[in-house]
Amino acid sequence: MTTGGNTSTYGFLCEHYVNNELVTEFIAADIYAVKDDMCYVDMNSFGQGDTILQTDSRDRYTVGTKAALQGVYCANTGYTIFRTIEIVEQNSEYCIVRKGTSYGISVYDHIILEGSNVNENEMIY
């Protein structure tokens, strides 16, 4: 994970083929969680088989493994953003989630109650 040029946007240096030519480019990515040595990102930014370059070494990682994350959609700024959560306790009416989860929710976030009806970056009226 690195920042892109003159911005503070996080993303990855990615190698992939375009018209049979190997191209390296910075791809900004929505980061959902970092656990152990894995970084969970929006897969709409990457293709199966793309190669991510480690900026401080010659290491490479081929995009391939997918995992489901538990989370909610927030609409604090008028459009939906996926945030990960860790459920501590729940019943049929509500959930109590772990406080301070990286890339998670905060107090007073506007949570979408029915997440199956929305998509990432969807405008909410």
N, C-alpha and C. Protein backbone atom coordinates (compact mmCIF):
# COMPACT_ATOMS: atom_id res chain seq x y z
N MET A 1 0.86 -1.16 0.00
CA MET A 1 0.00 0.00 0.00
C MET A 1 0.91 1.23 0.00
N THR A 2 0.51 2.21 -0.78
CA THR A 2 1.29 3.43 -0.89
C THR A 2 0.34 4.60 -1.13
N THR A 3 0.87 5.80 -1.19
CA THR A 3 0.05 6.96 -1.56
C THR A 3 0.40 7.36 -2.97
N GLY A 4 -0.55 7.97 -3.65
CA GLY A 4 -0.39 8.27 -5.07
C GLY A 4 0.21 9.62 -5.36
N GLY A 5 1.48 9.64 -5.73
CA GLY A 5 2.13 10.86 -6.20
C GLY A 5 2.02 12.01 -5.23
N ASN A 6 1.35 13.08 -5.65
CA ASN A 6 1.24 14.30 -4.84
C ASN A 6 0.00 14.31 -3.95
N THR A 7 -0.70 13.18 -3.86
CA THR A 7 -1.91 13.14 -3.05
C THR A 7 -1.71 12.23 -1.85
N SER A 8 -2.67 12.25 -0.95
CA SER A 8 -2.62 11.36 0.21
C SER A 8 -3.56 10.17 0.03
N THR A 9 -4.02 9.94 -1.19
CA THR A 9 -4.90 8.83 -1.50
C THR A 9 -4.13 7.52 -1.43
N TYR A 10 -4.67 6.55 -0.68
CA TYR A 10 -4.02 5.25 -0.58
C TYR A 10 -4.40 4.37 -1.76
N GLY A 11 -3.46 3.54 -2.16
CA GLY A 11 -3.69 2.62 -3.25
C GLY A 11 -2.50 1.70 -3.44
N PHE A 12 -2.39 1.13 -4.63
CA PHE A 12 -1.37 0.13 -4.91
C PHE A 12 -0.78 0.35 -6.29
N LEU A 13 0.49 -0.02 -6.44
CA LEU A 13 1.09 -0.10 -7.77
C LEU A 13 0.71 -1.45 -8.33
N CYS A 14 0.10 -1.44 -9.48
CA CYS A 14 -0.48 -2.66 -10.04
C CYS A 14 0.05 -2.89 -11.45
N GLU A 15 0.42 -4.14 -11.74
CA GLU A 15 0.82 -4.54 -13.09
C GLU A 15 -0.31 -5.34 -13.71
N HIS A 16 -0.67 -5.00 -14.93
CA HIS A 16 -1.63 -5.80 -15.68
C HIS A 16 -1.39 -5.58 -17.17
N TYR A 17 -2.00 -6.41 -17.96
CA TYR A 17 -1.80 -6.33 -19.41
C TYR A 17 -2.91 -5.51 -20.07
N VAL A 18 -2.49 -4.59 -20.94
CA VAL A 18 -3.40 -3.81 -21.77
C VAL A 18 -2.92 -3.96 -23.20
N ASN A 19 -3.75 -4.51 -24.06
CA ASN A 19 -3.38 -4.76 -25.46
C ASN A 19 -2.05 -5.53 -25.56
N ASN A 20 -1.94 -6.58 -24.77
CA ASN A 20 -0.75 -7.46 -24.74
C ASN A 20 0.52 -6.75 -24.29
N GLU A 21 0.42 -5.59 -23.65
CA GLU A 21 1.58 -4.90 -23.09
C GLU A 21 1.44 -4.84 -21.58
N LEU A 22 2.54 -5.10 -20.88
CA LEU A 22 2.54 -5.02 -19.42
C LEU A 22 2.60 -3.55 -19.00
N VAL A 23 1.60 -3.12 -18.24
CA VAL A 23 1.48 -1.73 -17.80
C VAL A 23 1.53 -1.69 -16.28
N THR A 24 2.28 -0.74 -15.72
CA THR A 24 2.31 -0.51 -14.27
C THR A 24 1.64 0.83 -14.00
N GLU A 25 0.66 0.83 -13.08
CA GLU A 25 -0.02 2.08 -12.76
C GLU A 25 -0.45 2.09 -11.30
N PHE A 26 -0.62 3.30 -10.77
CA PHE A 26 -1.15 3.47 -9.42
C PHE A 26 -2.66 3.35 -9.48
N ILE A 27 -3.22 2.50 -8.63
CA ILE A 27 -4.67 2.33 -8.56
C ILE A 27 -5.12 2.70 -7.16
N ALA A 28 -5.92 3.77 -7.06
CA ALA A 28 -6.51 4.15 -5.77
C ALA A 28 -7.54 3.09 -5.41
N ALA A 29 -7.56 2.69 -4.16
CA ALA A 29 -8.47 1.63 -3.75
C ALA A 29 -9.12 1.97 -2.42
N ASP A 30 -10.40 1.61 -2.31
CA ASP A 30 -11.09 1.73 -1.03
C ASP A 30 -10.61 0.60 -0.15
N ILE A 31 -9.98 0.93 0.97
CA ILE A 31 -9.46 -0.07 1.89
C ILE A 31 -10.50 -0.31 2.97
N TYR A 32 -10.91 -1.57 3.11
CA TYR A 32 -11.95 -1.92 4.07
C TYR A 32 -11.40 -2.44 5.38
N ALA A 33 -10.26 -3.11 5.35
CA ALA A 33 -9.67 -3.67 6.57
C ALA A 33 -8.24 -4.09 6.30
N VAL A 34 -7.44 -4.07 7.35
CA VAL A 34 -6.08 -4.62 7.30
C VAL A 34 -5.98 -5.59 8.47
N LYS A 35 -5.78 -6.87 8.17
CA LYS A 35 -5.67 -7.90 9.20
C LYS A 35 -4.47 -8.77 8.88
N ASP A 36 -3.64 -8.98 9.88
CA ASP A 36 -2.40 -9.74 9.70
C ASP A 36 -1.61 -9.10 8.56
N ASP A 37 -1.27 -9.85 7.54
CA ASP A 37 -0.55 -9.30 6.39
C ASP A 37 -1.45 -9.10 5.19
N MET A 38 -2.76 -9.11 5.39
CA MET A 38 -3.71 -8.99 4.29
C MET A 38 -4.40 -7.62 4.34
N CYS A 39 -4.62 -7.06 3.16
CA CYS A 39 -5.32 -5.80 3.03
C CYS A 39 -6.59 -6.07 2.22
N TYR A 40 -7.74 -5.78 2.78
CA TYR A 40 -9.01 -6.05 2.13
C TYR A 40 -9.49 -4.79 1.42
N VAL A 41 -9.66 -4.89 0.10
CA VAL A 41 -10.01 -3.73 -0.73
C VAL A 41 -11.21 -4.05 -1.60
N ASP A 42 -11.77 -3.01 -2.21
CA ASP A 42 -12.86 -3.16 -3.16
C ASP A 42 -12.32 -3.84 -4.41
N MET A 43 -12.85 -5.01 -4.75
CA MET A 43 -12.35 -5.77 -5.90
C MET A 43 -12.76 -5.16 -7.24
N ASN A 44 -13.62 -4.16 -7.24
CA ASN A 44 -13.96 -3.49 -8.50
C ASN A 44 -12.76 -2.72 -9.06
N SER A 45 -11.76 -2.46 -8.23
CA SER A 45 -10.56 -1.74 -8.66
C SER A 45 -9.53 -2.64 -9.32
N PHE A 46 -9.64 -3.95 -9.13
CA PHE A 46 -8.63 -4.89 -9.59
C PHE A 46 -9.26 -6.01 -10.40
N GLY A 47 -8.45 -6.63 -11.24
CA GLY A 47 -8.88 -7.79 -11.99
C GLY A 47 -8.22 -9.05 -11.47
N GLN A 48 -8.86 -10.18 -11.66
CA GLN A 48 -8.28 -11.46 -11.26
C GLN A 48 -6.95 -11.63 -11.98
N GLY A 49 -5.89 -11.90 -11.25
CA GLY A 49 -4.58 -12.11 -11.85
C GLY A 49 -3.71 -10.86 -11.93
N ASP A 50 -4.25 -9.68 -11.59
CA ASP A 50 -3.41 -8.48 -11.53
C ASP A 50 -2.30 -8.70 -10.51
N THR A 51 -1.17 -8.05 -10.71
CA THR A 51 -0.05 -8.18 -9.79
C THR A 51 0.17 -6.85 -9.07
N ILE A 52 0.22 -6.91 -7.74
CA ILE A 52 0.48 -5.72 -6.93
C ILE A 52 1.95 -5.73 -6.55
N LEU A 53 2.61 -4.58 -6.73
CA LEU A 53 4.03 -4.46 -6.44
C LEU A 53 4.25 -3.88 -5.06
N GLN A 54 5.17 -4.44 -4.32
CA GLN A 54 5.58 -3.89 -3.03
C GLN A 54 6.55 -2.75 -3.31
N THR A 55 6.28 -1.55 -2.79
CA THR A 55 7.08 -0.38 -3.15
C THR A 55 8.47 -0.37 -2.53
N ASP A 56 8.64 -1.00 -1.38
CA ASP A 56 9.94 -0.95 -0.71
C ASP A 56 10.76 -2.23 -0.88
N SER A 57 10.32 -3.11 -1.77
CA SER A 57 11.07 -4.34 -2.05
C SER A 57 10.70 -4.82 -3.45
N ARG A 58 11.18 -5.98 -3.82
CA ARG A 58 10.84 -6.55 -5.13
C ARG A 58 9.70 -7.56 -5.02
N ASP A 59 9.05 -7.61 -3.87
CA ASP A 59 7.97 -8.57 -3.66
C ASP A 59 6.76 -8.21 -4.52
N ARG A 60 6.04 -9.26 -4.94
CA ARG A 60 4.83 -9.11 -5.74
C ARG A 60 3.74 -9.98 -5.13
N TYR A 61 2.50 -9.56 -5.31
CA TYR A 61 1.36 -10.33 -4.85
C TYR A 61 0.35 -10.40 -5.98
N THR A 62 -0.08 -11.59 -6.33
CA THR A 62 -1.08 -11.75 -7.38
C THR A 62 -2.46 -11.74 -6.75
N VAL A 63 -3.32 -10.86 -7.26
CA VAL A 63 -4.69 -10.74 -6.76
C VAL A 63 -5.43 -12.02 -7.10
N GLY A 64 -6.06 -12.61 -6.12
CA GLY A 64 -6.77 -13.85 -6.40
C GLY A 64 -7.74 -14.25 -5.31
N THR A 65 -7.31 -14.16 -4.07
CA THR A 65 -8.14 -14.61 -2.96
C THR A 65 -9.18 -13.54 -2.62
N LYS A 66 -10.42 -13.98 -2.48
CA LYS A 66 -11.49 -13.08 -2.08
C LYS A 66 -12.03 -13.55 -0.74
N ALA A 67 -12.51 -12.61 0.05
CA ALA A 67 -13.10 -12.94 1.34
C ALA A 67 -14.28 -12.02 1.60
N ALA A 68 -15.28 -12.54 2.27
CA ALA A 68 -16.43 -11.73 2.65
C ALA A 68 -16.10 -11.00 3.96
N LEU A 69 -16.51 -9.75 4.04
CA LEU A 69 -16.30 -8.97 5.26
C LEU A 69 -17.65 -8.61 5.85
N GLN A 70 -17.70 -8.54 7.17
CA GLN A 70 -18.92 -8.14 7.85
C GLN A 70 -18.87 -6.64 8.03
N GLY A 71 -19.94 -5.96 7.61
CA GLY A 71 -19.93 -4.51 7.72
C GLY A 71 -21.28 -3.89 7.45
N VAL A 72 -21.27 -2.57 7.39
CA VAL A 72 -22.48 -1.78 7.15
C VAL A 72 -22.14 -0.68 6.14
N TYR A 73 -23.18 -0.10 5.56
CA TYR A 73 -23.00 1.08 4.71
C TYR A 73 -23.32 2.33 5.53
N CYS A 74 -22.44 3.31 5.45
CA CYS A 74 -22.66 4.62 6.08
C CYS A 74 -23.00 5.63 4.99
N ALA A 75 -23.82 6.61 5.33
CA ALA A 75 -24.19 7.66 4.37
C ALA A 75 -24.01 9.03 5.01
N ASN A 76 -22.85 9.29 5.57
CA ASN A 76 -22.59 10.56 6.26
C ASN A 76 -22.50 11.74 5.31
N THR A 77 -22.03 11.52 4.11
CA THR A 77 -21.78 12.62 3.17
C THR A 77 -22.71 12.60 1.97
N GLY A 78 -23.78 11.83 2.04
CA GLY A 78 -24.74 11.80 0.95
C GLY A 78 -24.56 10.63 -0.01
N TYR A 79 -23.49 9.87 0.15
CA TYR A 79 -23.32 8.66 -0.65
C TYR A 79 -22.81 7.54 0.25
N THR A 80 -23.04 6.31 -0.17
CA THR A 80 -22.75 5.17 0.69
C THR A 80 -21.28 4.77 0.66
N ILE A 81 -20.78 4.44 1.84
CA ILE A 81 -19.41 3.95 2.01
C ILE A 81 -19.47 2.72 2.90
N PHE A 82 -18.87 1.62 2.45
CA PHE A 82 -18.84 0.39 3.24
C PHE A 82 -17.83 0.53 4.37
N ARG A 83 -18.22 0.14 5.58
CA ARG A 83 -17.33 0.15 6.74
C ARG A 83 -17.41 -1.21 7.43
N THR A 84 -16.26 -1.74 7.83
CA THR A 84 -16.25 -3.03 8.50
C THR A 84 -16.65 -2.88 9.96
N ILE A 85 -17.24 -3.94 10.50
CA ILE A 85 -17.62 -3.97 11.91
C ILE A 85 -17.23 -5.32 12.50
N GLU A 86 -17.06 -5.34 13.81
CA GLU A 86 -16.88 -6.58 14.57
C GLU A 86 -18.00 -6.63 15.59
N ILE A 87 -18.92 -7.57 15.43
CA ILE A 87 -20.06 -7.67 16.34
C ILE A 87 -19.62 -8.32 17.64
N VAL A 88 -19.93 -7.62 18.75
CA VAL A 88 -19.62 -8.13 20.09
C VAL A 88 -20.83 -8.87 20.64
N GLU A 89 -22.00 -8.31 20.44
CA GLU A 89 -23.25 -8.88 20.94
C GLU A 89 -24.36 -8.48 19.98
N GLN A 90 -25.36 -9.35 19.80
CA GLN A 90 -26.49 -8.98 18.95
C GLN A 90 -27.73 -9.76 19.35
N ASN A 91 -28.88 -9.17 19.00
CA ASN A 91 -30.16 -9.87 19.12
C ASN A 91 -30.97 -9.55 17.87
N SER A 92 -32.25 -9.80 17.88
CA SER A 92 -33.05 -9.59 16.67
C SER A 92 -33.30 -8.11 16.36
N GLU A 93 -33.01 -7.20 17.30
CA GLU A 93 -33.29 -5.79 17.10
C GLU A 93 -32.06 -4.92 16.88
N TYR A 94 -30.92 -5.28 17.43
CA TYR A 94 -29.74 -4.42 17.31
C TYR A 94 -28.46 -5.22 17.50
N CYS A 95 -27.34 -4.58 17.18
CA CYS A 95 -26.00 -5.16 17.38
C CYS A 95 -25.16 -4.19 18.20
N ILE A 96 -24.31 -4.73 19.03
CA ILE A 96 -23.27 -3.94 19.70
C ILE A 96 -21.97 -4.30 19.00
N VAL A 97 -21.26 -3.27 18.53
CA VAL A 97 -20.03 -3.52 17.77
C VAL A 97 -18.82 -3.03 18.54
N ARG A 98 -17.68 -3.62 18.21
CA ARG A 98 -16.42 -3.26 18.88
C ARG A 98 -16.06 -1.82 18.55
N LYS A 99 -15.67 -1.08 19.57
CA LYS A 99 -15.27 0.32 19.44
C LYS A 99 -13.85 0.40 18.87
N GLY A 100 -13.60 1.39 18.02
CA GLY A 100 -12.25 1.66 17.54
C GLY A 100 -11.74 0.72 16.46
N THR A 101 -12.62 0.05 15.74
CA THR A 101 -12.20 -0.84 14.66
C THR A 101 -11.60 -0.01 13.53
N SER A 102 -10.41 -0.38 13.07
CA SER A 102 -9.79 0.34 11.94
C SER A 102 -10.69 0.26 10.72
N TYR A 103 -10.86 1.38 10.04
CA TYR A 103 -11.71 1.49 8.86
C TYR A 103 -13.17 1.17 9.19
N GLY A 104 -13.54 1.28 10.47
CA GLY A 104 -14.89 0.95 10.90
C GLY A 104 -15.76 2.18 11.07
N ILE A 105 -16.80 2.02 11.85
CA ILE A 105 -17.77 3.10 12.06
C ILE A 105 -17.39 3.91 13.29
N SER A 106 -18.02 5.09 13.39
CA SER A 106 -17.81 5.99 14.52
C SER A 106 -19.16 6.38 15.11
N VAL A 107 -19.12 6.96 16.29
CA VAL A 107 -20.33 7.45 16.93
C VAL A 107 -20.98 8.49 16.01
N TYR A 108 -22.28 8.45 15.91
CA TYR A 108 -23.11 9.37 15.12
C TYR A 108 -23.02 9.15 13.61
N ASP A 109 -22.39 8.06 13.15
CA ASP A 109 -22.44 7.74 11.73
C ASP A 109 -23.88 7.46 11.33
N HIS A 110 -24.23 7.80 10.11
CA HIS A 110 -25.55 7.52 9.56
C HIS A 110 -25.49 6.16 8.88
N ILE A 111 -26.06 5.15 9.53
CA ILE A 111 -25.99 3.76 9.08
C ILE A 111 -27.22 3.43 8.24
N ILE A 112 -27.00 2.81 7.09
CA ILE A 112 -28.11 2.32 6.26
C ILE A 112 -28.65 1.05 6.91
N LEU A 113 -29.93 1.03 7.22
CA LEU A 113 -30.51 -0.10 7.94
C LEU A 113 -30.67 -1.34 7.06
N GLU A 114 -30.97 -1.16 5.79
CA GLU A 114 -31.14 -2.29 4.88
C GLU A 114 -30.07 -2.21 3.80
N GLY A 115 -28.91 -2.80 4.06
CA GLY A 115 -27.76 -2.70 3.16
C GLY A 115 -27.89 -3.46 1.86
N SER A 116 -28.83 -4.41 1.78
CA SER A 116 -28.97 -5.18 0.54
C SER A 116 -29.58 -4.35 -0.59
N ASN A 117 -30.12 -3.17 -0.25
CA ASN A 117 -30.75 -2.32 -1.26
C ASN A 117 -29.83 -1.25 -1.83
N VAL A 118 -28.57 -1.18 -1.38
CA VAL A 118 -27.65 -0.14 -1.85
C VAL A 118 -26.33 -0.75 -2.31
N ASN A 119 -25.56 0.05 -3.02
CA ASN A 119 -24.23 -0.34 -3.48
C ASN A 119 -23.22 0.71 -3.01
N GLU A 120 -21.95 0.36 -3.08
CA GLU A 120 -20.87 1.28 -2.72
C GLU A 120 -20.93 2.54 -3.57
N ASN A 121 -20.73 3.70 -2.97
CA ASN A 121 -20.70 5.01 -3.63
C ASN A 121 -22.02 5.40 -4.29
N GLU A 122 -23.11 4.88 -3.79
CA GLU A 122 -24.42 5.23 -4.32
C GLU A 122 -24.92 6.50 -3.64
N MET A 123 -25.48 7.43 -4.43
CA MET A 123 -26.00 8.68 -3.89
C MET A 123 -27.28 8.40 -3.11
N ILE A 124 -27.37 8.96 -1.90
CA ILE A 124 -28.55 8.81 -1.05
C ILE A 124 -29.25 10.15 -0.97
N TYR A 125 -30.55 10.17 -1.26
CA TYR A 125 -31.32 11.41 -1.25
C TYR A 125 -32.02 11.60 0.06
